[in-house]
C-alpha cells in the first residue's frame, strides 16, 4: 500500500527537509504533485531524501510490468528504441 501523503510529508520533516526544499535543491519550482500523481524524477528525489526506494513509498506506481510501461511510452527514445524517420521508414 502506498504511503499516505501526510506520511511522506512527516517523514521528510523528520529527515529535516520538506518538498519545497527538495524542489529548490533540484531545480524545480515545486514537486508537490508527486504526492498525488506519478512523477518519476520527483519520486526518486523524495525517496533519496528518505533513504528509501521509490517503490517502497509508492508500490502501486511500480506494480505494472515494464513491458506494459514501454508500450505506453509515447517517446521511443525514452526507452532506448531507435526509430527511422523520413520517407520509406519501416
C-alpha atoms as a PDB file:
ATOM      1  CA  UNK A   1       0.000   0.000   0.000  1.00  0.00           C
ATOM      2  CA  UNK A   2       1.258   3.471  -0.893  1.00  0.00           C
ATOM      3  CA  UNK A   3       2.255   5.834   1.870  1.00  0.00           C
ATOM      4  CA  UNK A   4      -0.359   8.475   2.643  1.00  0.00           C
ATOM      5  CA  UNK A   5       0.735  11.981   1.543  1.00  0.00           C
ATOM      6  CA  UNK A   6       0.782  13.049   5.208  1.00  0.00           C
ATOM      7  CA  UNK A   7       3.171  10.184   5.974  1.00  0.00           C
ATOM      8  CA  UNK A   8       5.525  11.318   3.214  1.00  0.00           C
ATOM      9  CA  UNK A   9       5.441  14.905   4.491  1.00  0.00           C
ATOM     10  CA  UNK A  10       6.010  13.781   8.086  1.00  0.00           C
ATOM     11  CA  UNK A  11       8.911  11.532   7.086  1.00  0.00           C
ATOM     12  CA  UNK A  12      10.504  14.417   5.195  1.00  0.00           C
ATOM     13  CA  UNK A  13      10.113  16.711   8.206  1.00  0.00           C
ATOM     14  CA  UNK A  14      11.712  14.059  10.416  1.00  0.00           C
ATOM     15  CA  UNK A  15      14.588  13.964   7.904  1.00  0.00           C
ATOM     16  CA  UNK A  16      14.902  17.751   8.375  1.00  0.00           C
ATOM     17  CA  UNK A  17      13.650  18.678   4.919  1.00  0.00           C
ATOM     18  CA  UNK A  18      10.398  19.181   3.010  1.00  0.00           C
ATOM     19  CA  UNK A  19       9.068  19.181  -0.547  1.00  0.00           C
ATOM     20  CA  UNK A  20       9.830  22.875  -1.056  1.00  0.00           C
ATOM     21  CA  UNK A  21      13.470  22.490  -0.032  1.00  0.00           C
ATOM     22  CA  UNK A  22      13.897  19.393  -2.190  1.00  0.00           C
ATOM     23  CA  UNK A  23      12.339  21.129  -5.191  1.00  0.00           C
ATOM     24  CA  UNK A  24      14.596  24.142  -4.831  1.00  0.00           C
ATOM     25  CA  UNK A  25      17.686  21.977  -4.316  1.00  0.00           C
ATOM     26  CA  UNK A  26      16.976  20.028  -7.509  1.00  0.00           C
ATOM     27  CA  UNK A  27      15.958  22.983  -9.679  1.00  0.00           C
ATOM     28  CA  UNK A  28      12.175  22.589  -9.654  1.00  0.00           C
ATOM     29  CA  UNK A  29       9.606  25.256  -8.816  1.00  0.00           C
ATOM     30  CA  UNK A  30       7.634  22.648  -6.866  1.00  0.00           C
ATOM     31  CA  UNK A  31       7.255  18.895  -6.612  1.00  0.00           C
ATOM     32  CA  UNK A  32       4.082  18.693  -4.529  1.00  0.00           C
ATOM     33  CA  UNK A  33       2.226  16.807  -7.270  1.00  0.00           C
ATOM     34  CA  UNK A  34       4.363  13.749  -6.538  1.00  0.00           C
ATOM     35  CA  UNK A  35       2.093  13.140  -3.543  1.00  0.00           C
ATOM     36  CA  UNK A  36      -0.903  12.573  -5.813  1.00  0.00           C
ATOM     37  CA  UNK A  37       0.401  11.682  -9.292  1.00  0.00           C
ATOM     38  CA  UNK A  38       3.246   9.610 -10.697  1.00  0.00           C
ATOM     39  CA  UNK A  39       6.344  11.673 -11.437  1.00  0.00           C
ATOM     40  CA  UNK A  40       9.445   9.519 -11.750  1.00  0.00           C
ATOM     41  CA  UNK A  41      12.063  12.230 -11.180  1.00  0.00           C
ATOM     42  CA  UNK A  42      10.321  13.679  -8.122  1.00  0.00           C
ATOM     43  CA  UNK A  43       9.651  10.204  -6.706  1.00  0.00           C
ATOM     44  CA  UNK A  44      13.368   9.459  -6.838  1.00  0.00           C
ATOM     45  CA  UNK A  45      14.212  12.800  -5.206  1.00  0.00           C
ATOM     46  CA  UNK A  46      11.806  12.196  -2.322  1.00  0.00           C
ATOM     47  CA  UNK A  47      12.858   8.576  -1.883  1.00  0.00           C
ATOM     48  CA  UNK A  48      16.529   9.555  -1.864  1.00  0.00           C
ATOM     49  CA  UNK A  49      15.910  12.140   0.838  1.00  0.00           C
ATOM     50  CA  UNK A  50      14.276   9.430   2.938  1.00  0.00           C
ATOM     51  CA  UNK A  51      16.895   6.777   2.251  1.00  0.00           C
ATOM     52  CA  UNK A  52      14.273   4.575   0.580  1.00  0.00           C
ATOM     53  CA  UNK A  53      13.489   3.318  -2.893  1.00  0.00           C
ATOM     54  CA  UNK A  54      10.553   4.980  -4.641  1.00  0.00           C
ATOM     55  CA  UNK A  55       8.974   1.519  -4.973  1.00  0.00           C
ATOM     56  CA  UNK A  56       8.798   1.304  -1.168  1.00  0.00           C
ATOM     57  CA  UNK A  57       6.878   4.577  -0.865  1.00  0.00           C
ATOM     58  CA  UNK A  58       4.587   4.190  -3.893  1.00  0.00           C
ATOM     59  CA  UNK A  59       4.413   0.455  -4.706  1.00  0.00           C
ATOM     60  CA  UNK A  60       1.237   0.838  -6.783  1.00  0.00           C
ATOM     61  CA  UNK A  61       3.099   3.083  -9.217  1.00  0.00           C
ATOM     62  CA  UNK A  62       5.678   0.375  -9.841  1.00  0.00           C
ATOM     63  CA  UNK A  63       3.463  -2.707  -9.902  1.00  0.00           C
ATOM     64  CA  UNK A  64       2.898  -2.606 -13.672  1.00  0.00           C
ATOM     65  CA  UNK A  65       5.165  -4.652 -15.838  1.00  0.00           C
ATOM     66  CA  UNK A  66       7.988  -2.780 -17.551  1.00  0.00           C
ATOM     67  CA  UNK A  67       6.856  -4.208 -20.896  1.00  0.00           C
ATOM     68  CA  UNK A  68       3.461  -2.588 -20.473  1.00  0.00           C
ATOM     69  CA  UNK A  69       5.071   0.691 -19.440  1.00  0.00           C
ATOM     70  CA  UNK A  70       7.264   0.624 -22.546  1.00  0.00           C
ATOM     71  CA  UNK A  71       4.222   0.059 -24.749  1.00  0.00           C
ATOM     72  CA  UNK A  72       2.500   3.067 -23.168  1.00  0.00           C
ATOM     73  CA  UNK A  73       5.536   5.322 -23.649  1.00  0.00           C
ATOM     74  CA  UNK A  74       4.989   7.766 -26.489  1.00  0.00           C
ATOM     75  CA  UNK A  75       8.645   8.672 -26.924  1.00  0.00           C
ATOM     76  CA  UNK A  76      10.648   5.663 -28.138  1.00  0.00           C
ATOM     77  CA  UNK A  77      13.923   7.441 -27.323  1.00  0.00           C
ATOM     78  CA  UNK A  78      12.942   7.437 -23.648  1.00  0.00           C
ATOM     79  CA  UNK A  79      13.176   3.651 -23.584  1.00  0.00           C
ATOM     80  CA  UNK A  80      16.170   3.323 -25.864  1.00  0.00           C
ATOM     81  CA  UNK A  81      14.442   2.182 -29.053  1.00  0.00           C
ATOM     82  CA  UNK A  82      15.688   3.659 -32.294  1.00  0.00           C
ATOM     83  CA  UNK A  83      13.203   4.815 -34.891  1.00  0.00           C
ATOM     84  CA  UNK A  84      13.670   5.621 -38.529  1.00  0.00           C
ATOM     85  CA  UNK A  85      12.401   8.985 -39.640  1.00  0.00           C
ATOM     86  CA  UNK A  86      11.629  10.133 -43.156  1.00  0.00           C
ATOM     87  CA  UNK A  87      10.452   8.634 -46.383  1.00  0.00           C
ATOM     88  CA  UNK A  88      10.433   4.899 -46.650  1.00  0.00           C
ATOM     89  CA  UNK A  89      10.849   4.356 -42.915  1.00  0.00           C
ATOM     90  CA  UNK A  90       9.791   0.903 -41.852  1.00  0.00           C
END
